[in-house]
C-alpha atoms as a PDB file:
ATOM      1  CA  MET A   1     104.163  69.325  64.247  1.00  0.00           C
ATOM      2  CA  LYS A   2     104.225  70.092  60.522  1.00  0.00           C
ATOM      3  CA  ALA A   3     106.231  73.130  59.476  1.00  0.00           C
ATOM      4  CA  ILE A   4     107.783  74.626  56.361  1.00  0.00           C
ATOM      5  CA  VAL A   5     111.512  75.313  56.619  1.00  0.00           C
ATOM      6  CA  VAL A   6     114.131  77.023  54.484  1.00  0.00           C
ATOM      7  CA  THR A   7     117.835  76.227  54.394  1.00  0.00           C
ATOM      8  CA  ASP A   8     119.180  77.836  51.200  1.00  0.00           C
ATOM      9  CA  GLN A   9     118.766  81.558  50.566  1.00  0.00           C
ATOM     10  CA  ALA A  10     119.632  81.231  46.893  1.00  0.00           C
ATOM     11  CA  ALA A  11     116.793  78.748  46.320  1.00  0.00           C
ATOM     12  CA  GLY A  12     114.078  81.220  47.333  1.00  0.00           C
ATOM     13  CA  THR A  13     110.546  79.888  47.704  1.00  0.00           C
ATOM     14  CA  ALA A  14     111.448  76.848  45.587  1.00  0.00           C
ATOM     15  CA  GLY A  15     113.745  75.750  48.414  1.00  0.00           C
ATOM     16  CA  MET A  16     110.954  75.478  50.955  1.00  0.00           C
ATOM     17  CA  THR A  17     110.363  72.042  52.450  1.00  0.00           C
ATOM     18  CA  LEU A  18     107.505  70.644  54.543  1.00  0.00           C
ATOM     19  CA  VAL A  19     108.973  68.734  57.509  1.00  0.00           C
ATOM     20  CA  GLU A  20     108.181  67.528  61.011  1.00  0.00           C
ATOM     21  CA  ARG A  21     109.539  69.755  63.778  1.00  0.00           C
ATOM     22  CA  PRO A  22     109.202  69.643  67.596  1.00  0.00           C
ATOM     23  CA  GLU A  23     106.424  71.809  68.975  1.00  0.00           C
ATOM     24  CA  PRO A  24     107.823  75.024  70.490  1.00  0.00           C
ATOM     25  CA  LYS A  25     107.909  75.723  74.222  1.00  0.00           C
ATOM     26  CA  PRO A  26     106.852  79.094  75.631  1.00  0.00           C
ATOM     27  CA  ALA A  27     109.609  81.295  77.041  1.00  0.00           C
ATOM     28  CA  LEU A  28     109.127  84.111  79.535  1.00  0.00           C
ATOM     29  CA  ASN A  29     106.176  86.329  78.469  1.00  0.00           C
ATOM     30  CA  ASP A  30     105.457  84.066  75.485  1.00  0.00           C
ATOM     31  CA  VAL A  31     102.313  82.330  74.388  1.00  0.00           C
ATOM     32  CA  ILE A  32     101.995  79.252  72.211  1.00  0.00           C
ATOM     33  CA  VAL A  33      99.517  79.773  69.390  1.00  0.00           C
ATOM     34  CA  GLN A  34      97.905  76.999  67.425  1.00  0.00           C
ATOM     35  CA  VAL A  35      98.141  78.573  63.981  1.00  0.00           C
ATOM     36  CA  HIS A  36      94.927  78.524  61.976  1.00  0.00           C
ATOM     37  CA  ALA A  37      96.133  80.794  59.167  1.00  0.00           C
ATOM     38  CA  SER A  38      99.470  82.319  58.217  1.00  0.00           C
ATOM     39  CA  GLY A  39     100.558  85.105  55.917  1.00  0.00           C
ATOM     40  CA  PHE A  40     103.860  85.049  54.085  1.00  0.00           C
ATOM     41  CA  THR A  41     105.861  87.771  52.318  1.00  0.00           C
ATOM     42  CA  PRO A  42     108.340  86.296  49.807  1.00  0.00           C
ATOM     43  CA  GLY A  43     110.689  89.228  50.375  1.00  0.00           C
ATOM     44  CA  GLU A  44     111.502  87.926  53.841  1.00  0.00           C
ATOM     45  CA  LEU A  45     113.703  85.265  52.255  1.00  0.00           C
ATOM     46  CA  THR A  46     116.134  88.093  51.451  1.00  0.00           C
ATOM     47  CA  TRP A  47     116.186  89.427  55.028  1.00  0.00           C
ATOM     48  CA  PRO A  48     119.231  88.554  57.171  1.00  0.00           C
ATOM     49  CA  SER A  49     116.912  87.804  60.112  1.00  0.00           C
ATOM     50  CA  THR A  50     115.512  84.790  58.242  1.00  0.00           C
ATOM     51  CA  TRP A  51     118.942  83.164  58.150  1.00  0.00           C
ATOM     52  CA  THR A  52     120.835  84.383  61.219  1.00  0.00           C
ATOM     53  CA  ASP A  53     120.089  85.285  64.814  1.00  0.00           C
ATOM     54  CA  ARG A  54     120.746  88.684  66.372  1.00  0.00           C
ATOM     55  CA  LEU A  55     124.405  87.796  66.847  1.00  0.00           C
ATOM     56  CA  GLY A  56     124.841  86.878  63.192  1.00  0.00           C
ATOM     57  CA  ARG A  57     124.924  83.118  63.775  1.00  0.00           C
ATOM     58  CA  ASP A  58     123.316  80.742  61.297  1.00  0.00           C
ATOM     59  CA  ARG A  59     119.880  79.634  62.516  1.00  0.00           C
ATOM     60  CA  THR A  60     118.774  77.434  59.626  1.00  0.00           C
ATOM     61  CA  PRO A  61     116.708  75.424  59.074  1.00  0.00           C
ATOM     62  CA  SER A  62     114.345  78.274  59.947  1.00  0.00           C
ATOM     63  CA  ILE A  63     110.573  78.532  59.692  1.00  0.00           C
ATOM     64  CA  PRO A  64     109.477  81.585  57.678  1.00  0.00           C
ATOM     65  CA  GLY A  65     106.225  83.534  57.903  1.00  0.00           C
ATOM     66  CA  HIS A  66     105.476  86.244  60.451  1.00  0.00           C
ATOM     67  CA  GLU A  67     101.737  86.913  60.182  1.00  0.00           C
ATOM     68  CA  LEU A  68      99.302  84.668  61.958  1.00  0.00           C
ATOM     69  CA  ALA A  69      95.823  84.175  63.281  1.00  0.00           C
ATOM     70  CA  GLY A  70      95.024  81.357  65.676  1.00  0.00           C
ATOM     71  CA  VAL A  71      94.188  80.277  69.203  1.00  0.00           C
ATOM     72  CA  VAL A  72      96.336  80.526  72.326  1.00  0.00           C
ATOM     73  CA  THR A  73      97.075  77.050  73.735  1.00  0.00           C
ATOM     74  CA  ALA A  74      99.688  77.760  76.437  1.00  0.00           C
ATOM     75  CA  LEU A  75     101.170  80.647  78.424  1.00  0.00           C
ATOM     76  CA  GLY A  76     104.797  81.173  79.369  1.00  0.00           C
ATOM     77  CA  TYR A  77     105.832  82.240  82.849  1.00  0.00           C
ATOM     78  CA  GLY A  78     104.806  85.797  83.612  1.00  0.00           C
ATOM     79  CA  THR A  79     102.554  86.176  80.586  1.00  0.00           C
ATOM     80  CA  THR A  80      99.627  88.549  81.071  1.00  0.00           C
ATOM     81  CA  GLY A  81      96.973  90.092  78.867  1.00  0.00           C
ATOM     82  CA  LEU A  82      95.987  86.928  76.988  1.00  0.00           C
ATOM     83  CA  SER A  83      94.369  83.646  78.010  1.00  0.00           C
ATOM     84  CA  VAL A  84      94.312  80.032  76.851  1.00  0.00           C
ATOM     85  CA  GLY A  85      91.590  79.506  74.263  1.00  0.00           C
ATOM     86  CA  GLN A  86      91.618  83.125  73.088  1.00  0.00           C
ATOM     87  CA  ARG A  87      91.494  83.967  69.377  1.00  0.00           C
ATOM     88  CA  VAL A  88      94.441  86.192  68.424  1.00  0.00           C
ATOM     89  CA  PHE A  89      96.292  87.618  65.446  1.00  0.00           C
ATOM     90  CA  GLY A  90      99.541  89.466  65.085  1.00  0.00           C
ATOM     91  CA  LEU A  91     103.090  89.843  63.859  1.00  0.00           C
ATOM     92  CA  THR A  92     105.926  87.702  65.210  1.00  0.00           C
ATOM     93  CA  ASP A  93     109.563  88.596  65.860  1.00  0.00           C
ATOM     94  CA  TRP A  94     111.714  88.609  62.699  1.00  0.00           C
ATOM     95  CA  HIS A  95     114.547  86.589  64.287  1.00  0.00           C
ATOM     96  CA  ARG A  96     112.413  83.734  65.651  1.00  0.00           C
ATOM     97  CA  ASP A  97     110.842  80.782  63.905  1.00  0.00           C
ATOM     98  CA  GLY A  98     107.717  81.929  62.115  1.00  0.00           C
ATOM     99  CA  THR A  99     104.150  81.014  61.412  1.00  0.00           C
ATOM    100  CA  LEU A 100     104.235  78.515  58.534  1.00  0.00           C
ATOM    101  CA  ALA A 101     103.763  75.795  61.118  1.00  0.00           C
ATOM    102  CA  GLU A 102     101.038  74.233  63.202  1.00  0.00           C
ATOM    103  CA  TYR A 103     102.264  75.963  66.384  1.00  0.00           C
ATOM    104  CA  VAL A 104     104.411  79.012  67.082  1.00  0.00           C
ATOM    105  CA  ALA A 105     105.871  80.666  70.176  1.00  0.00           C
ATOM    106  CA  VAL A 106     105.181  84.414  70.199  1.00  0.00           C
ATOM    107  CA  GLU A 107     105.713  87.240  72.643  1.00  0.00           C
ATOM    108  CA  ALA A 108     102.261  88.011  74.015  1.00  0.00           C
ATOM    109  CA  ARG A 109     102.690  91.748  73.423  1.00  0.00           C
ATOM    110  CA  ASN A 110     102.935  91.099  69.665  1.00  0.00           C
ATOM    111  CA  LEU A 111      99.376  89.766  69.505  1.00  0.00           C
ATOM    112  CA  ALA A 112      95.918  91.312  69.677  1.00  0.00           C
ATOM    113  CA  PRO A 113      92.518  89.703  70.228  1.00  0.00           C
ATOM    114  CA  LEU A 114      90.818  88.604  67.012  1.00  0.00           C
ATOM    115  CA  PRO A 115      87.049  89.180  67.197  1.00  0.00           C
ATOM    116  CA  GLY A 116      84.897  86.130  66.661  1.00  0.00           C
ATOM    117  CA  ASP A 117      83.255  87.528  63.532  1.00  0.00           C
ATOM    118  CA  VAL A 118      86.565  88.013  61.686  1.00  0.00           C
ATOM    119  CA  ASP A 119      87.771  84.824  60.041  1.00  0.00           C
ATOM    120  CA  PHE A 120      91.275  83.530  60.749  1.00  0.00           C
ATOM    121  CA  THR A 121      92.106  83.833  57.038  1.00  0.00           C
ATOM    122  CA  VAL A 122      91.313  87.543  57.076  1.00  0.00           C
ATOM    123  CA  GLY A 123      93.124  88.011  60.385  1.00  0.00           C
ATOM    124  CA  ALA A 124      96.331  86.519  58.985  1.00  0.00           C
ATOM    125  CA  SER A 125      96.266  88.917  56.030  1.00  0.00           C
ATOM    126  CA  LEU A 126      96.216  92.059  58.183  1.00  0.00           C
ATOM    127  CA  PRO A 127      99.338  92.411  60.366  1.00  0.00           C
ATOM    128  CA  ILE A 128     102.124  93.434  57.970  1.00  0.00           C
ATOM    129  CA  SER A 129      99.991  95.457  55.556  1.00  0.00           C
ATOM    130  CA  GLY A 130      97.828  97.021  58.244  1.00  0.00           C
ATOM    131  CA  LEU A 131     100.646  97.924  60.633  1.00  0.00           C
ATOM    132  CA  THR A 132     102.911  99.171  57.840  1.00  0.00           C
ATOM    133  CA  ALA A 133     100.179 101.452  56.529  1.00  0.00           C
ATOM    134  CA  TRP A 134      99.250 102.712  60.015  1.00  0.00           C
ATOM    135  CA  GLN A 135     102.808 103.390  61.144  1.00  0.00           C
ATOM    136  CA  GLY A 136     103.859 104.974  57.863  1.00  0.00           C
ATOM    137  CA  LEU A 137     100.868 107.295  57.651  1.00  0.00           C
ATOM    138  CA  PHE A 138     100.342 108.342  61.244  1.00  0.00           C
ATOM    139  CA  GLY A 139     103.566 107.569  63.105  1.00  0.00           C
ATOM    140  CA  HIS A 140     106.188 108.584  60.551  1.00  0.00           C
ATOM    141  CA  GLY A 141     104.140 110.591  58.071  1.00  0.00           C
ATOM    142  CA  ARG A 142     102.097 112.554  60.646  1.00  0.00           C
ATOM    143  CA  LEU A 143      99.158 112.624  58.252  1.00  0.00           C
ATOM    144  CA  GLN A 144      96.471 115.229  58.899  1.00  0.00           C
ATOM    145  CA  ALA A 145      93.001 115.712  57.432  1.00  0.00           C
ATOM    146  CA  GLY A 146      93.047 117.779  54.263  1.00  0.00           C
ATOM    147  CA  GLN A 147      96.545 116.744  53.203  1.00  0.00           C
ATOM    148  CA  SER A 148      97.436 114.993  49.945  1.00  0.00           C
ATOM    149  CA  VAL A 149      99.037 111.541  49.777  1.00  0.00           C
ATOM    150  CA  LEU A 150     100.776 109.864  46.834  1.00  0.00           C
ATOM    151  CA  VAL A 151     100.700 106.076  47.255  1.00  0.00           C
ATOM    152  CA  HIS A 152     102.990 103.907  45.130  1.00  0.00           C
ATOM    153  CA  GLY A 153     102.047 100.270  44.599  1.00  0.00           C
ATOM    154  CA  ALA A 154      98.449 101.297  45.134  1.00  0.00           C
ATOM    155  CA  ALA A 155      96.922  97.931  44.228  1.00  0.00           C
ATOM    156  CA  GLY A 156      99.209  95.899  46.494  1.00  0.00           C
ATOM    157  CA  GLY A 157      98.619  94.687  50.025  1.00  0.00           C
ATOM    158  CA  VAL A 158     100.294  97.655  51.721  1.00  0.00           C
ATOM    159  CA  GLY A 159      99.192 100.223  49.155  1.00  0.00           C
ATOM    160  CA  SER A 160      95.529  99.240  49.362  1.00  0.00           C
ATOM    161  CA  MET A 161      95.622  99.609  53.154  1.00  0.00           C
ATOM    162  CA  VAL A 162      97.409 102.966  52.909  1.00  0.00           C
ATOM    163  CA  LYS A 163      94.781 104.348  50.551  1.00  0.00           C
ATOM    164  CA  GLN A 164      91.857 103.255  52.696  1.00  0.00           C
ATOM    165  CA  LEU A 165      93.310 104.579  55.956  1.00  0.00           C
ATOM    166  CA  ALA A 166      94.389 107.840  54.334  1.00  0.00           C
ATOM    167  CA  ARG A 167      90.954 108.368  52.829  1.00  0.00           C
ATOM    168  CA  GLU A 168      89.296 107.705  56.184  1.00  0.00           C
ATOM    169  CA  ALA A 169      91.626 110.265  57.773  1.00  0.00           C
ATOM    170  CA  GLY A 170      90.383 112.904  55.349  1.00  0.00           C
ATOM    171  CA  ALA A 171      93.321 112.960  52.919  1.00  0.00           C
ATOM    172  CA  TYR A 172      93.237 113.370  49.158  1.00  0.00           C
ATOM    173  CA  VAL A 173      94.724 110.140  47.788  1.00  0.00           C
ATOM    174  CA  ILE A 174      96.586 109.612  44.516  1.00  0.00           C
ATOM    175  CA  GLY A 175      97.575 106.046  43.622  1.00  0.00           C
ATOM    176  CA  THR A 176     100.174 104.734  41.197  1.00  0.00           C
ATOM    177  CA  GLY A 177     100.838 101.384  39.555  1.00  0.00           C
ATOM    178  CA  ARG A 178     100.596  99.376  36.349  1.00  0.00           C
ATOM    179  CA  PRO A 179      97.803 100.094  33.860  1.00  0.00           C
ATOM    180  CA  ALA A 180      95.889  97.025  35.077  1.00  0.00           C
ATOM    181  CA  ASP A 181      95.915  98.393  38.634  1.00  0.00           C
ATOM    182  CA  ARG A 182      93.832 101.483  37.898  1.00  0.00           C
ATOM    183  CA  GLN A 183      90.393 100.194  38.845  1.00  0.00           C
ATOM    184  CA  THR A 184      91.620  98.451  42.012  1.00  0.00           C
ATOM    185  CA  ALA A 185      93.352 101.649  43.118  1.00  0.00           C
ATOM    186  CA  LEU A 186      90.212 103.701  42.554  1.00  0.00           C
ATOM    187  CA  ASP A 187      87.984 101.111  44.240  1.00  0.00           C
ATOM    188  CA  PHE A 188      90.193 101.174  47.336  1.00  0.00           C
ATOM    189  CA  GLY A 189      90.163 104.908  47.876  1.00  0.00           C
ATOM    190  CA  ALA A 190      92.293 106.762  45.312  1.00  0.00           C
ATOM    191  CA  LYS A 191      90.821 109.910  43.779  1.00  0.00           C
ATOM    192  CA  GLU A 192      93.375 109.849  40.977  1.00  0.00           C
ATOM    193  CA  PHE A 193      95.573 107.192  39.402  1.00  0.00           C
ATOM    194  CA  VAL A 194      98.986 107.559  37.762  1.00  0.00           C
ATOM    195  CA  ASP A 195      99.957 104.866  35.266  1.00  0.00           C
ATOM    196  CA  LEU A 196     103.713 104.593  35.843  1.00  0.00           C
ATOM    197  CA  GLU A 197     104.213 103.051  32.417  1.00  0.00           C
ATOM    198  CA  ASN A 198     102.464 105.769  30.416  1.00  0.00           C
ATOM    199  CA  ASP A 199     101.890 108.845  32.594  1.00  0.00           C
ATOM    200  CA  ALA A 200     104.417 111.416  33.789  1.00  0.00           C
ATOM    201  CA  LEU A 201     104.842 111.085  37.543  1.00  0.00           C
ATOM    202  CA  GLU A 202     105.964 114.708  37.801  1.00  0.00           C
ATOM    203  CA  ASP A 203     102.557 115.870  36.541  1.00  0.00           C
ATOM    204  CA  VAL A 204     101.147 114.987  39.973  1.00  0.00           C
ATOM    205  CA  GLY A 205     102.597 118.200  41.379  1.00  0.00           C
ATOM    206  CA  GLU A 206     103.433 118.734  45.034  1.00  0.00           C
ATOM    207  CA  VAL A 207     101.953 116.530  47.769  1.00  0.00           C
ATOM    208  CA  ASP A 208     102.196 116.486  51.542  1.00  0.00           C
ATOM    209  CA  LEU A 209     103.134 112.811  51.855  1.00  0.00           C
ATOM    210  CA  VAL A 210     104.605 110.185  49.567  1.00  0.00           C
ATOM    211  CA  PHE A 211     104.247 106.558  50.670  1.00  0.00           C
ATOM    212  CA  ASP A 212     106.782 104.557  48.670  1.00  0.00           C
ATOM    213  CA  VAL A 213     106.993 100.767  48.468  1.00  0.00           C
ATOM    214  CA  ILE A 214     109.007 100.674  45.212  1.00  0.00           C
ATOM    215  CA  GLY A 215     112.224 102.641  45.759  1.00  0.00           C
ATOM    216  CA  GLY A 216     114.839 103.093  43.053  1.00  0.00           C
ATOM    217  CA  ASP A 217     114.122 105.653  40.356  1.00  0.00           C
ATOM    218  CA  ILE A 218     110.475 106.033  41.391  1.00  0.00           C
ATOM    219  CA  GLY A 219     111.461 106.784  44.963  1.00  0.00           C
ATOM    220  CA  ASN A 220     114.115 109.268  43.911  1.00  0.00           C
ATOM    221  CA  ARG A 221     111.779 111.127  41.560  1.00  0.00           C
ATOM    222  CA  SER A 222     109.088 111.170  44.226  1.00  0.00           C
ATOM    223  CA  ALA A 223     111.337 113.130  46.577  1.00  0.00           C
ATOM    224  CA  GLY A 224     110.944 116.096  44.250  1.00  0.00           C
ATOM    225  CA  LEU A 225     107.161 115.998  44.676  1.00  0.00           C
ATOM    226  CA  VAL A 226     107.168 116.550  48.447  1.00  0.00           C
ATOM    227  CA  ARG A 227     106.138 120.101  49.306  1.00  0.00           C
ATOM    228  CA  THR A 228     107.822 122.150  52.008  1.00  0.00           C
ATOM    229  CA  GLY A 229     107.275 120.522  55.397  1.00  0.00           C
ATOM    230  CA  GLY A 230     106.108 117.263  53.848  1.00  0.00           C
ATOM    231  CA  THR A 231     107.430 113.721  54.183  1.00  0.00           C
ATOM    232  CA  LEU A 232     108.636 110.882  51.982  1.00  0.00           C
ATOM    233  CA  VAL A 233     107.926 107.617  53.818  1.00  0.00           C
ATOM    234  CA  THR A 234     109.459 104.454  52.387  1.00  0.00           C
ATOM    235  CA  ILE A 235     109.791 100.764  53.189  1.00  0.00           C
ATOM    236  CA  ALA A 236     112.028 100.173  50.151  1.00  0.00           C
ATOM    237  CA  GLY A 237     115.337 101.107  51.774  1.00  0.00           C
ATOM    238  CA  PRO A 238     117.030 104.443  52.484  1.00  0.00           C
ATOM    239  CA  PRO A 239     116.312 106.867  49.638  1.00  0.00           C
ATOM    240  CA  GLU A 240     119.135 108.307  47.586  1.00  0.00           C
ATOM    241  CA  ALA A 241     117.204 111.548  47.047  1.00  0.00           C
ATOM    242  CA  TRP A 242     115.663 113.578  49.863  1.00  0.00           C
ATOM    243  CA  PRO A 243     112.913 116.201  49.667  1.00  0.00           C
ATOM    244  CA  ALA A 244     114.477 119.637  49.356  1.00  0.00           C
ATOM    245  CA  ASN A 245     112.485 121.081  52.250  1.00  0.00           C
ATOM    246  CA  GLY A 246     110.951 118.055  53.903  1.00  0.00           C
ATOM    247  CA  LEU A 247     111.736 114.773  55.613  1.00  0.00           C
ATOM    248  CA  ALA A 248     112.540 111.268  54.384  1.00  0.00           C
ATOM    249  CA  VAL A 249     111.821 108.287  56.637  1.00  0.00           C
ATOM    250  CA  ASP A 250     112.800 104.687  55.899  1.00  0.00           C
ATOM    251  CA  PHE A 251     111.243 102.336  58.447  1.00  0.00           C
ATOM    252  CA  VAL A 252     110.666  98.698  59.298  1.00  0.00           C
ATOM    253  CA  VAL A 253     107.259  97.756  60.638  1.00  0.00           C
ATOM    254  CA  VAL A 254     107.056  96.670  64.286  1.00  0.00           C
ATOM    255  CA  PRO A 255     104.374  94.756  66.198  1.00  0.00           C
ATOM    256  CA  ASP A 256     101.864  96.870  68.101  1.00  0.00           C
ATOM    257  CA  ARG A 257      98.785  95.491  69.882  1.00  0.00           C
ATOM    258  CA  ALA A 258      96.903  98.790  70.033  1.00  0.00           C
ATOM    259  CA  GLN A 259      97.406  99.461  66.336  1.00  0.00           C
ATOM    260  CA  LEU A 260      96.345  95.928  65.410  1.00  0.00           C
ATOM    261  CA  SER A 261      93.143  96.527  67.373  1.00  0.00           C
ATOM    262  CA  GLU A 262      92.529  99.750  65.441  1.00  0.00           C
ATOM    263  CA  VAL A 263      93.028  97.934  62.144  1.00  0.00           C
ATOM    264  CA  VAL A 264      90.702  95.048  62.948  1.00  0.00           C
ATOM    265  CA  ARG A 265      88.047  97.412  64.299  1.00  0.00           C
ATOM    266  CA  ARG A 266      87.921  99.074  60.903  1.00  0.00           C
ATOM    267  CA  VAL A 267      87.648  95.684  59.233  1.00  0.00           C
ATOM    268  CA  ARG A 268      84.629  94.862  61.399  1.00  0.00           C
ATOM    269  CA  ASP A 269      83.065  98.273  60.717  1.00  0.00           C
ATOM    270  CA  GLY A 270      83.401  97.796  56.970  1.00  0.00           C
ATOM    271  CA  GLY A 271      85.843 100.641  56.495  1.00  0.00           C
ATOM    272  CA  LEU A 272      88.858  98.496  55.660  1.00  0.00           C
ATOM    273  CA  ARG A 273      89.194  95.616  53.218  1.00  0.00           C
ATOM    274  CA  THR A 274      92.078  93.290  52.545  1.00  0.00           C
ATOM    275  CA  ILE A 275      92.923  91.630  49.241  1.00  0.00           C
ATOM    276  CA  ILE A 276      93.445  87.863  49.447  1.00  0.00           C
ATOM    277  CA  GLY A 277      94.585  86.308  46.216  1.00  0.00           C
ATOM    278  CA  LYS A 278      94.793  82.645  47.155  1.00  0.00           C
ATOM    279  CA  VAL A 279      94.189  80.383  50.158  1.00  0.00           C
ATOM    280  CA  ALA A 280      96.227  77.172  50.335  1.00  0.00           C
ATOM    281  CA  ALA A 281      96.570  74.336  52.828  1.00  0.00           C
ATOM    282  CA  LEU A 282      99.911  73.886  54.611  1.00  0.00           C
ATOM    283  CA  ASP A 283     100.579  70.718  52.598  1.00  0.00           C
ATOM    284  CA  ASP A 284     100.166  72.710  49.373  1.00  0.00           C
ATOM    285  CA  ALA A 285     101.908  75.909  50.483  1.00  0.00           C
ATOM    286  CA  VAL A 286     105.203  75.397  48.656  1.00  0.00           C
ATOM    287  CA  ALA A 287     103.388  75.068  45.337  1.00  0.00           C
ATOM    288  CA  ALA A 288     101.187  78.054  46.184  1.00  0.00           C
ATOM    289  CA  PHE A 289     104.262  80.230  46.766  1.00  0.00           C
ATOM    290  CA  ASN A 290     105.590  79.245  43.339  1.00  0.00           C
ATOM    291  CA  PRO A 291     102.575  79.970  41.099  1.00  0.00           C
ATOM    292  CA  THR A 292     102.670  79.501  37.353  1.00  0.00           C
ATOM    293  CA  GLU A 293     100.754  82.760  36.881  1.00  0.00           C
ATOM    294  CA  ARG A 294     100.602  86.093  38.696  1.00  0.00           C
ATOM    295  CA  ILE A 295      98.252  86.100  41.670  1.00  0.00           C
ATOM    296  CA  LYS A 296      96.534  89.373  42.481  1.00  0.00           C
ATOM    297  CA  GLY A 297      96.479  89.682  46.271  1.00  0.00           C
ATOM    298  CA  LYS A 298      98.091  87.988  49.228  1.00  0.00           C
ATOM    299  CA  THR A 299      98.516  84.220  49.523  1.00  0.00           C
ATOM    300  CA  ILE A 300      97.335  82.907  52.878  1.00  0.00           C
ATOM    301  CA  VAL A 301      98.146  79.450  54.190  1.00  0.00           C
ATOM    302  CA  ARG A 302      95.236  77.863  56.010  1.00  0.00           C
ATOM    303  CA  VAL A 303      97.117  75.709  58.528  1.00  0.00           C
ATOM    304  CA  ARG A 304      94.034  74.375  60.292  1.00  0.00           C
ATOM    305  CA  PRO A 305      90.920  73.145  58.434  1.00  0.00           C
ATOM    306  CA  LEU A 306      88.370  75.825  57.593  1.00  0.00           C
ATOM    307  CA  LEU A 307      85.990  75.574  60.553  1.00  0.00           C
ATOM    308  CA  ASP A 308      84.622  79.112  60.908  1.00  0.00           C
ATOM    309  CA  PRO A 309      82.631  80.963  58.216  1.00  0.00           C
ATOM    310  CA  PRO A 310      84.576  81.293  54.954  1.00  0.00           C
ATOM    311  CA  PHE A 311      85.468  84.941  55.540  1.00  0.00           C
ATOM    312  CA  GLY A 312      84.682  87.815  57.848  1.00  0.00           C
ATOM    313  CA  PRO A 313      81.535  89.782  56.986  1.00  0.00           C
ATOM    314  CA  VAL A 314      83.258  92.830  55.489  1.00  0.00           C
ATOM    315  CA  ALA A 315      86.899  92.113  54.804  1.00  0.00           C
ATOM    316  CA  HIS A 316      86.925  90.422  51.451  1.00  0.00           C
ATOM    317  CA  GLU A 317      86.393  90.910  47.788  1.00  0.00           C
ATOM    318  CA  PRO A 318      83.817  88.760  45.928  1.00  0.00           C
ATOM    319  CA  VAL A 319      85.144  85.433  44.713  1.00  0.00           C
ATOM    320  CA  GLU A 320      85.987  85.631  41.028  1.00  0.00           C
ATOM    321  CA  PRO A 321      86.721  82.819  38.571  1.00  0.00           C
ATOM    322  CA  ASP A 322      90.456  83.520  38.595  1.00  0.00           C
ATOM    323  CA  GLY A 323      90.695  82.873  42.324  1.00  0.00           C
ATOM    324  CA  VAL A 324      90.973  86.494  43.440  1.00  0.00           C
ATOM    325  CA  ILE A 325      89.194  86.973  46.754  1.00  0.00           C
END
C-alpha cells in the first residue's frame, strides 16, 4: 500500500516521504479500515508517541495521522460492534501507525459509524477537534447552561467546535484570536470577540470556563479571569498559573465512540460545522502540508478518489476562490 512515513523529527513536515509499505494485519479486537480520507495535525510530529513506542523504543519509520474516515475491510479475532463494509470514522491510537496510508489497523472501540450522508472528507475532519471540544467542555469543564466561556484560538479547528457546542449548550461565548479571525469567530457562535493584538484580555472580566489552546502568557493571564468555582481547561500543556479559587485541567483527547456519534449527529442536524481549508490527494500530501501561504482551516488528505458527493449536506463552508471550504 502507499503510505507517508517520517524518520527525522527535526525535518518536520518537510521530512515526510511517500513510500510503499505492507498492508497491516488486524490484531485482537482490531479492524482494518480502507482509508478514504485522513486528517493530520502538524503538532503530532513533536509528540514522543510519533517516534517511540510505549516502552520508549524507536519505532521509525512511522506513519503519522490519527484522524480517518473509511470503510471496514477486515475484522480481527474477537472484534464486535462493527462489520465489514461499514462506513466509519474515528481517532487512532497515538503509538500505532496512523492514517496517512491506504489502510490502517485500528481498535474497533476507537471508531464510530459514519452516516451515509456525511462525506468521508468531513468525517476525517471531525475526530480531534470534535472530541477535544466535547471532552474539554463537558467532561473536564462541566459546562452548564447559562455559564460564560472564553475560547482562545476561536477561529481554529478546535476553537470553532468549542464555540458551537458551547452555544448549543446555552453558554455565553467569548472568542479570541487575531484581528482577521473576528468574523469567523462570530459566525461560529461567539457573542463577543477579543483581538489579542489590540484589545486588553483582562477587560473580559470573570468567566466560568476558559478553554485554552495557546498556553504561555495568554494561558497564565487567563487563569486570573476564572471566577470562583470555575475551570481553566487547556490542551497547551500544564499551566504555570492556576485560578485562585477554581480548577485547572490539562488534558489529552482520547477516542470515544459515543462522543463521536454525538458530534456527527450534530453535523447531520446542521448544528455543527467544520472548517476544511484544503483537500489534497495522498500523492500530493507532502506538498500540501508545506504550503507557501497560510491556509485557513484543516488540510484533509483524500486517500481514495472522491466517489461520494463532494461534501456532507451541512458540514462545510461555501467554496471560496482562495480554497477555503
